[in-house]
Amino acid sequence: VPIYLAVLFAVIVGAILALVIYAVAIIPSFKRTNNTHRDQLVYTLLIMSLVTAIHQLLFTGELLSLSFEKRNAFIFLGVNIERPRLIAFVVAIVVTLALYVWLQFTTQGKLLRMTGKFTASSHAIGVPVSKVFLLLFVLGGALAGLAGGLLMTIEPVTPGNAFTVLIVALLVSIAGRLTFIGVGIAGLLYGIIQVTLNSRFDSHLATSLVFVVFLLVLSFERVFSSRSGRRLA
């Protein structure tokens, strides 16, 4: 099938899988642990490991890639850009801006933000918190399908790629202070730094350097935050 039709199919499959996982694992753990998220994280990590193992049994753990129009590249400001990378970048920007507008300026988006920050108060005023969490989980599954599908058009992947991507996502989220704009800026900077280092060093060395930079930034940020907190106190 056409590659971007397959990406759309991945979005649908990701949403359906998220719905099943939420019903089978998240809801029972949520009820049993009095609204804490620790067990949910354990469940999702275990399920991801299980999916990875099943994938390796069925398709082996070798690198897989698509020969997808790599020759259709063009030069922009002296940089060689392949069409799949440009499409993935544009899609990421459009989806990010659409989510930002939805969360910031619509009643439904504000309701989602309020439920995440003030869960108990949302319960008190009659907000269907369980349905809101279900919607967010399914939306996360759909976005994961979109990201994974677009990633396949850019570079080879293995079943273990998910762990690497999650580590990067966690670092970017913390560095962006978990704000929408901050995470977007941190993610863009990460991509620029990663590509720049990959063009100059070995890919493994470049990844190590990026992680070191992120760890240093996070360490300094924590030190300054704790000092400012003590001064305010």
C-alpha atoms as a PDB file:
ATOM      1  CA  VAL A   1       0.000   0.000   0.000  1.00  0.00           C
ATOM      2  CA  PRO A   2       1.144   3.621  -0.350  1.00  0.00           C
ATOM      3  CA  ILE A   3       3.428   4.440   2.560  1.00  0.00           C
ATOM      4  CA  TYR A   4       1.411   7.341   3.958  1.00  0.00           C
ATOM      5  CA  LEU A   5      -1.776   5.292   3.797  1.00  0.00           C
ATOM      6  CA  ALA A   6       0.094   2.769   5.946  1.00  0.00           C
ATOM      7  CA  VAL A   7       1.021   5.597   8.356  1.00  0.00           C
ATOM      8  CA  LEU A   8      -2.665   6.497   8.649  1.00  0.00           C
ATOM      9  CA  PHE A   9      -3.425   2.833   9.326  1.00  0.00           C
ATOM     10  CA  ALA A  10      -0.753   2.866  12.057  1.00  0.00           C
ATOM     11  CA  VAL A  11      -2.534   5.804  13.703  1.00  0.00           C
ATOM     12  CA  ILE A  12      -5.808   3.842  13.794  1.00  0.00           C
ATOM     13  CA  VAL A  13      -4.136   0.667  15.056  1.00  0.00           C
ATOM     14  CA  GLY A  14      -2.273   2.653  17.736  1.00  0.00           C
ATOM     15  CA  ALA A  15      -5.535   4.141  19.002  1.00  0.00           C
ATOM     16  CA  ILE A  16      -7.249   0.726  19.092  1.00  0.00           C
ATOM     17  CA  LEU A  17      -4.331  -0.893  20.913  1.00  0.00           C
ATOM     18  CA  ALA A  18      -4.305   1.952  23.443  1.00  0.00           C
ATOM     19  CA  LEU A  19      -8.018   1.417  24.044  1.00  0.00           C
ATOM     20  CA  VAL A  20      -7.480  -2.307  24.663  1.00  0.00           C
ATOM     21  CA  ILE A  21      -4.477  -1.728  26.942  1.00  0.00           C
ATOM     22  CA  TYR A  22      -6.390   0.872  28.933  1.00  0.00           C
ATOM     23  CA  ALA A  23      -9.354  -1.462  29.430  1.00  0.00           C
ATOM     24  CA  VAL A  24      -7.275  -4.541  30.293  1.00  0.00           C
ATOM     25  CA  ALA A  25      -4.435  -3.069  32.383  1.00  0.00           C
ATOM     26  CA  ILE A  26      -4.831   0.610  33.237  1.00  0.00           C
ATOM     27  CA  ILE A  27      -8.387   0.681  34.596  1.00  0.00           C
ATOM     28  CA  PRO A  28      -7.855  -2.253  37.023  1.00  0.00           C
ATOM     29  CA  SER A  29      -4.554  -0.801  38.270  1.00  0.00           C
ATOM     30  CA  PHE A  30      -6.105   2.658  38.607  1.00  0.00           C
ATOM     31  CA  LYS A  31      -8.900   1.331  40.820  1.00  0.00           C
ATOM     32  CA  ARG A  32      -6.606  -0.846  42.899  1.00  0.00           C
ATOM     33  CA  THR A  33      -3.928   1.775  43.651  1.00  0.00           C
ATOM     34  CA  ASN A  34      -6.181   4.690  44.661  1.00  0.00           C
ATOM     35  CA  ASN A  35      -5.482   6.909  41.651  1.00  0.00           C
ATOM     36  CA  THR A  36      -1.689   6.617  41.692  1.00  0.00           C
ATOM     37  CA  HIS A  37       0.203   6.219  38.430  1.00  0.00           C
ATOM     38  CA  ARG A  38       3.130   4.052  39.545  1.00  0.00           C
ATOM     39  CA  ASP A  39       1.542   0.710  38.692  1.00  0.00           C
ATOM     40  CA  GLN A  40       0.312   2.081  35.376  1.00  0.00           C
ATOM     41  CA  LEU A  41       3.882   2.897  34.377  1.00  0.00           C
ATOM     42  CA  VAL A  42       4.959  -0.625  35.321  1.00  0.00           C
ATOM     43  CA  TYR A  43       2.123  -2.135  33.298  1.00  0.00           C
ATOM     44  CA  THR A  44       2.883  -0.099  30.188  1.00  0.00           C
ATOM     45  CA  LEU A  45       6.604  -0.911  30.375  1.00  0.00           C
ATOM     46  CA  LEU A  46       5.839  -4.607  30.741  1.00  0.00           C
ATOM     47  CA  ILE A  47       3.407  -4.529  27.820  1.00  0.00           C
ATOM     48  CA  MET A  48       5.960  -2.714  25.668  1.00  0.00           C
ATOM     49  CA  SER A  49       8.560  -5.342  26.546  1.00  0.00           C
ATOM     50  CA  LEU A  50       6.064  -8.086  25.680  1.00  0.00           C
ATOM     51  CA  VAL A  51       5.257  -6.514  22.316  1.00  0.00           C
ATOM     52  CA  THR A  52       8.981  -6.173  21.599  1.00  0.00           C
ATOM     53  CA  ALA A  53       9.583  -9.850  22.406  1.00  0.00           C
ATOM     54  CA  ILE A  54       6.655 -10.969  20.219  1.00  0.00           C
ATOM     55  CA  HIS A  55       7.941  -8.816  17.352  1.00  0.00           C
ATOM     56  CA  GLN A  56      11.377 -10.395  17.626  1.00  0.00           C
ATOM     57  CA  LEU A  57       9.858 -13.885  17.578  1.00  0.00           C
ATOM     58  CA  LEU A  58       7.831 -13.140  14.459  1.00  0.00           C
ATOM     59  CA  PHE A  59      10.165 -10.870  12.487  1.00  0.00           C
ATOM     60  CA  THR A  60      13.588 -11.281  14.210  1.00  0.00           C
ATOM     61  CA  GLY A  61      15.469  -8.351  15.691  1.00  0.00           C
ATOM     62  CA  GLU A  62      17.317  -7.228  12.565  1.00  0.00           C
ATOM     63  CA  LEU A  63      17.339  -3.695  11.247  1.00  0.00           C
ATOM     64  CA  LEU A  64      14.473  -3.039   8.856  1.00  0.00           C
ATOM     65  CA  SER A  65      14.121  -0.086   6.531  1.00  0.00           C
ATOM     66  CA  LEU A  66      12.046   1.063   3.597  1.00  0.00           C
ATOM     67  CA  SER A  67      13.634   2.085   0.306  1.00  0.00           C
ATOM     68  CA  PHE A  68      11.353   5.088   0.191  1.00  0.00           C
ATOM     69  CA  GLU A  69      12.337   7.755  -2.318  1.00  0.00           C
ATOM     70  CA  LYS A  70      15.701   8.415  -0.717  1.00  0.00           C
ATOM     71  CA  ARG A  71      16.856   9.769  -4.048  1.00  0.00           C
ATOM     72  CA  ASN A  72      14.258  12.561  -4.006  1.00  0.00           C
ATOM     73  CA  ALA A  73      16.362  15.001  -2.014  1.00  0.00           C
ATOM     74  CA  PHE A  74      16.952  18.703  -2.478  1.00  0.00           C
ATOM     75  CA  ILE A  75      19.314  21.328  -1.131  1.00  0.00           C
ATOM     76  CA  PHE A  76      18.020  23.966   1.300  1.00  0.00           C
ATOM     77  CA  LEU A  77      20.474  26.496   2.755  1.00  0.00           C
ATOM     78  CA  GLY A  78      23.303  24.135   1.951  1.00  0.00           C
ATOM     79  CA  VAL A  79      21.660  21.177   3.696  1.00  0.00           C
ATOM     80  CA  ASN A  80      20.668  18.010   1.867  1.00  0.00           C
ATOM     81  CA  ILE A  81      17.023  17.309   2.836  1.00  0.00           C
ATOM     82  CA  GLU A  82      15.172  14.154   1.862  1.00  0.00           C
ATOM     83  CA  ARG A  83      11.471  14.450   1.132  1.00  0.00           C
ATOM     84  CA  PRO A  84      10.395  11.941   3.839  1.00  0.00           C
ATOM     85  CA  ARG A  85      12.227  13.968   6.495  1.00  0.00           C
ATOM     86  CA  LEU A  86      10.611  17.191   5.310  1.00  0.00           C
ATOM     87  CA  ILE A  87       7.150  15.597   5.345  1.00  0.00           C
ATOM     88  CA  ALA A  88       7.714  14.202   8.841  1.00  0.00           C
ATOM     89  CA  PHE A  89       8.898  17.610  10.069  1.00  0.00           C
ATOM     90  CA  VAL A  90       5.886  19.427   8.594  1.00  0.00           C
ATOM     91  CA  VAL A  91       3.466  16.858  10.020  1.00  0.00           C
ATOM     92  CA  ALA A  92       5.088  17.165  13.468  1.00  0.00           C
ATOM     93  CA  ILE A  93       4.774  20.971  13.404  1.00  0.00           C
ATOM     94  CA  VAL A  94       1.162  20.912  12.201  1.00  0.00           C
ATOM     95  CA  VAL A  95       0.063  18.290  14.748  1.00  0.00           C
ATOM     96  CA  THR A  96       1.872  20.090  17.583  1.00  0.00           C
ATOM     97  CA  LEU A  97       0.272  23.451  16.748  1.00  0.00           C
ATOM     98  CA  ALA A  98      -3.161  21.846  16.367  1.00  0.00           C
ATOM     99  CA  LEU A  99      -2.872  20.183  19.777  1.00  0.00           C
ATOM    100  CA  TYR A 100      -1.662  23.428  21.347  1.00  0.00           C
ATOM    101  CA  VAL A 101      -4.590  25.420  19.970  1.00  0.00           C
ATOM    102  CA  TRP A 102      -7.033  22.706  21.019  1.00  0.00           C
ATOM    103  CA  LEU A 103      -5.705  22.494  24.583  1.00  0.00           C
ATOM    104  CA  GLN A 104      -5.334  26.240  25.103  1.00  0.00           C
ATOM    105  CA  PHE A 105      -8.365  27.786  23.418  1.00  0.00           C
ATOM    106  CA  THR A 106     -11.201  25.244  23.334  1.00  0.00           C
ATOM    107  CA  THR A 107     -13.553  24.251  26.137  1.00  0.00           C
ATOM    108  CA  GLN A 108     -12.727  20.562  25.701  1.00  0.00           C
ATOM    109  CA  GLY A 109      -8.992  21.256  25.796  1.00  0.00           C
ATOM    110  CA  LYS A 110      -9.247  23.376  28.931  1.00  0.00           C
ATOM    111  CA  LEU A 111     -11.320  20.627  30.539  1.00  0.00           C
ATOM    112  CA  LEU A 112      -8.586  18.089  29.769  1.00  0.00           C
ATOM    113  CA  ARG A 113      -5.897  20.324  31.262  1.00  0.00           C
ATOM    114  CA  MET A 114      -7.956  21.008  34.375  1.00  0.00           C
ATOM    115  CA  THR A 115      -8.632  17.299  34.892  1.00  0.00           C
ATOM    116  CA  GLY A 116      -4.936  16.490  34.699  1.00  0.00           C
ATOM    117  CA  LYS A 117      -3.894  19.197  37.157  1.00  0.00           C
ATOM    118  CA  PHE A 118      -6.860  19.105  39.563  1.00  0.00           C
ATOM    119  CA  THR A 119      -8.222  15.570  39.415  1.00  0.00           C
ATOM    120  CA  ALA A 120      -9.990  15.626  42.781  1.00  0.00           C
ATOM    121  CA  SER A 121     -11.657  18.972  42.070  1.00  0.00           C
ATOM    122  CA  SER A 122     -12.756  17.716  38.660  1.00  0.00           C
ATOM    123  CA  HIS A 123     -14.402  14.742  40.358  1.00  0.00           C
ATOM    124  CA  ALA A 124     -16.155  17.100  42.748  1.00  0.00           C
ATOM    125  CA  ILE A 125     -17.780  19.212  40.016  1.00  0.00           C
ATOM    126  CA  GLY A 126     -18.963  16.196  38.055  1.00  0.00           C
ATOM    127  CA  VAL A 127     -16.325  15.899  35.324  1.00  0.00           C
ATOM    128  CA  PRO A 128     -16.180  12.326  33.915  1.00  0.00           C
ATOM    129  CA  VAL A 129     -12.519  11.906  34.857  1.00  0.00           C
ATOM    130  CA  SER A 130     -12.303   8.268  33.774  1.00  0.00           C
ATOM    131  CA  LYS A 131     -13.558   9.150  30.287  1.00  0.00           C
ATOM    132  CA  VAL A 132     -11.128  12.066  30.056  1.00  0.00           C
ATOM    133  CA  PHE A 133      -8.192   9.816  30.970  1.00  0.00           C
ATOM    134  CA  LEU A 134      -9.385   7.231  28.441  1.00  0.00           C
ATOM    135  CA  LEU A 135      -9.522   9.889  25.723  1.00  0.00           C
ATOM    136  CA  LEU A 136      -5.983  11.043  26.505  1.00  0.00           C
ATOM    137  CA  PHE A 137      -4.627   7.492  26.549  1.00  0.00           C
ATOM    138  CA  VAL A 138      -6.216   6.693  23.173  1.00  0.00           C
ATOM    139  CA  LEU A 139      -4.927   9.994  21.776  1.00  0.00           C
ATOM    140  CA  GLY A 140      -1.447   9.049  22.997  1.00  0.00           C
ATOM    141  CA  GLY A 141      -1.717   5.694  21.215  1.00  0.00           C
ATOM    142  CA  ALA A 142      -2.747   7.402  17.984  1.00  0.00           C
ATOM    143  CA  LEU A 143       0.170   9.845  18.200  1.00  0.00           C
ATOM    144  CA  ALA A 144       2.556   6.963  18.905  1.00  0.00           C
ATOM    145  CA  GLY A 145       1.298   5.250  15.738  1.00  0.00           C
ATOM    146  CA  LEU A 146       1.822   8.448  13.772  1.00  0.00           C
ATOM    147  CA  ALA A 147       5.353   8.930  15.118  1.00  0.00           C
ATOM    148  CA  GLY A 148       6.298   5.291  14.516  1.00  0.00           C
ATOM    149  CA  GLY A 149       4.916   5.318  10.990  1.00  0.00           C
ATOM    150  CA  LEU A 150       6.774   8.489  10.050  1.00  0.00           C
ATOM    151  CA  LEU A 151       9.950   7.163  11.673  1.00  0.00           C
ATOM    152  CA  MET A 152       9.862   4.145   9.349  1.00  0.00           C
ATOM    153  CA  THR A 153      10.080   6.463   6.346  1.00  0.00           C
ATOM    154  CA  ILE A 154      13.255   8.105   7.643  1.00  0.00           C
ATOM    155  CA  GLU A 155      15.613   5.561   9.165  1.00  0.00           C
ATOM    156  CA  PRO A 156      15.998   1.842   9.884  1.00  0.00           C
ATOM    157  CA  VAL A 157      14.256   0.568  12.978  1.00  0.00           C
ATOM    158  CA  THR A 158      14.482  -2.392  15.324  1.00  0.00           C
ATOM    159  CA  PRO A 159      12.039  -3.724  17.927  1.00  0.00           C
ATOM    160  CA  GLY A 160      14.107  -2.039  20.639  1.00  0.00           C
ATOM    161  CA  ASN A 161      13.809   1.452  19.165  1.00  0.00           C
ATOM    162  CA  ALA A 162      10.877   2.255  21.427  1.00  0.00           C
ATOM    163  CA  PHE A 163      13.076   2.322  24.532  1.00  0.00           C
ATOM    164  CA  THR A 164      15.504   4.789  22.940  1.00  0.00           C
ATOM    165  CA  VAL A 165      12.675   7.037  21.788  1.00  0.00           C
ATOM    166  CA  LEU A 166      11.044   6.976  25.227  1.00  0.00           C
ATOM    167  CA  ILE A 167      14.304   7.955  26.927  1.00  0.00           C
ATOM    168  CA  VAL A 168      14.683  10.904  24.567  1.00  0.00           C
ATOM    169  CA  ALA A 169      11.037  11.892  25.078  1.00  0.00           C
ATOM    170  CA  LEU A 170      11.478  11.795  28.855  1.00  0.00           C
ATOM    171  CA  LEU A 171      14.618  13.941  28.744  1.00  0.00           C
ATOM    172  CA  VAL A 172      13.001  16.436  26.389  1.00  0.00           C
ATOM    173  CA  SER A 173       9.874  16.633  28.561  1.00  0.00           C
ATOM    174  CA  ILE A 174      11.848  17.289  31.736  1.00  0.00           C
ATOM    175  CA  ALA A 175      14.131  19.793  30.010  1.00  0.00           C
ATOM    176  CA  GLY A 176      11.052  21.602  28.685  1.00  0.00           C
ATOM    177  CA  ARG A 177       9.618  21.725  32.227  1.00  0.00           C
ATOM    178  CA  LEU A 178       6.607  19.743  30.973  1.00  0.00           C
ATOM    179  CA  THR A 179       5.121  22.839  29.316  1.00  0.00           C
ATOM    180  CA  PHE A 180       3.807  22.598  25.776  1.00  0.00           C
ATOM    181  CA  ILE A 181       6.012  25.330  24.317  1.00  0.00           C
ATOM    182  CA  GLY A 182       9.034  24.296  26.391  1.00  0.00           C
ATOM    183  CA  VAL A 183       8.846  20.686  25.246  1.00  0.00           C
ATOM    184  CA  GLY A 184       8.478  21.807  21.623  1.00  0.00           C
ATOM    185  CA  ILE A 185      11.556  24.045  21.835  1.00  0.00           C
ATOM    186  CA  ALA A 186      13.595  21.393  23.683  1.00  0.00           C
ATOM    187  CA  GLY A 187      12.603  18.758  21.128  1.00  0.00           C
ATOM    188  CA  LEU A 188      13.571  20.993  18.212  1.00  0.00           C
ATOM    189  CA  LEU A 189      16.938  21.785  19.819  1.00  0.00           C
ATOM    190  CA  TYR A 190      17.544  18.092  20.449  1.00  0.00           C
ATOM    191  CA  GLY A 191      16.890  17.285  16.798  1.00  0.00           C
ATOM    192  CA  ILE A 192      19.204  20.046  15.567  1.00  0.00           C
ATOM    193  CA  ILE A 193      22.008  19.012  17.927  1.00  0.00           C
ATOM    194  CA  GLN A 194      21.590  15.330  17.065  1.00  0.00           C
ATOM    195  CA  VAL A 195      21.738  15.910  13.305  1.00  0.00           C
ATOM    196  CA  THR A 196      24.697  18.284  13.609  1.00  0.00           C
ATOM    197  CA  LEU A 197      26.703  15.834  15.725  1.00  0.00           C
ATOM    198  CA  ASN A 198      25.789  12.888  13.487  1.00  0.00           C
ATOM    199  CA  SER A 199      27.264  14.754  10.516  1.00  0.00           C
ATOM    200  CA  ARG A 200      30.569  15.219  12.354  1.00  0.00           C
ATOM    201  CA  PHE A 201      30.972  12.162  14.591  1.00  0.00           C
ATOM    202  CA  ASP A 202      30.050   8.502  14.774  1.00  0.00           C
ATOM    203  CA  SER A 203      26.312   8.095  15.439  1.00  0.00           C
ATOM    204  CA  HIS A 204      26.846   6.250  18.741  1.00  0.00           C
ATOM    205  CA  LEU A 205      29.298   8.896  19.937  1.00  0.00           C
ATOM    206  CA  ALA A 206      26.877  11.638  18.880  1.00  0.00           C
ATOM    207  CA  THR A 207      24.041  10.041  20.846  1.00  0.00           C
ATOM    208  CA  SER A 208      26.272   9.716  23.911  1.00  0.00           C
ATOM    209  CA  LEU A 209      27.292  13.378  23.677  1.00  0.00           C
ATOM    210  CA  VAL A 210      23.659  14.477  23.412  1.00  0.00           C
ATOM    211  CA  PHE A 211      22.724  12.473  26.506  1.00  0.00           C
ATOM    212  CA  VAL A 212      25.667  13.947  28.412  1.00  0.00           C
ATOM    213  CA  VAL A 213      24.579  17.477  27.471  1.00  0.00           C
ATOM    214  CA  PHE A 214      21.011  16.753  28.575  1.00  0.00           C
ATOM    215  CA  LEU A 215      22.194  15.300  31.895  1.00  0.00           C
ATOM    216  CA  LEU A 216      24.357  18.364  32.548  1.00  0.00           C
ATOM    217  CA  VAL A 217      21.486  20.724  31.713  1.00  0.00           C
ATOM    218  CA  LEU A 218      19.104  18.820  33.957  1.00  0.00           C
ATOM    219  CA  SER A 219      21.651  18.689  36.792  1.00  0.00           C
ATOM    220  CA  PHE A 220      22.331  22.435  36.666  1.00  0.00           C
ATOM    221  CA  GLU A 221      18.616  23.145  36.369  1.00  0.00           C
ATOM    222  CA  ARG A 222      17.893  21.105  39.503  1.00  0.00           C
ATOM    223  CA  VAL A 223      20.684  22.827  41.429  1.00  0.00           C
ATOM    224  CA  PHE A 224      19.483  26.328  40.518  1.00  0.00           C
ATOM    225  CA  SER A 225      15.843  25.368  41.187  1.00  0.00           C
ATOM    226  CA  SER A 226      16.678  24.059  44.669  1.00  0.00           C
ATOM    227  CA  ARG A 227      18.717  27.192  45.480  1.00  0.00           C
ATOM    228  CA  SER A 228      15.948  29.528  44.303  1.00  0.00           C
ATOM    229  CA  GLY A 229      13.467  27.482  46.345  1.00  0.00           C
ATOM    230  CA  ARG A 230      15.572  27.872  49.482  1.00  0.00           C
ATOM    231  CA  ARG A 231      15.863  31.639  48.891  1.00  0.00           C
ATOM    232  CA  LEU A 232      12.105  31.968  48.531  1.00  0.00           C
ATOM    233  CA  ALA A 233      11.624  29.947  51.701  1.00  0.00           C
END
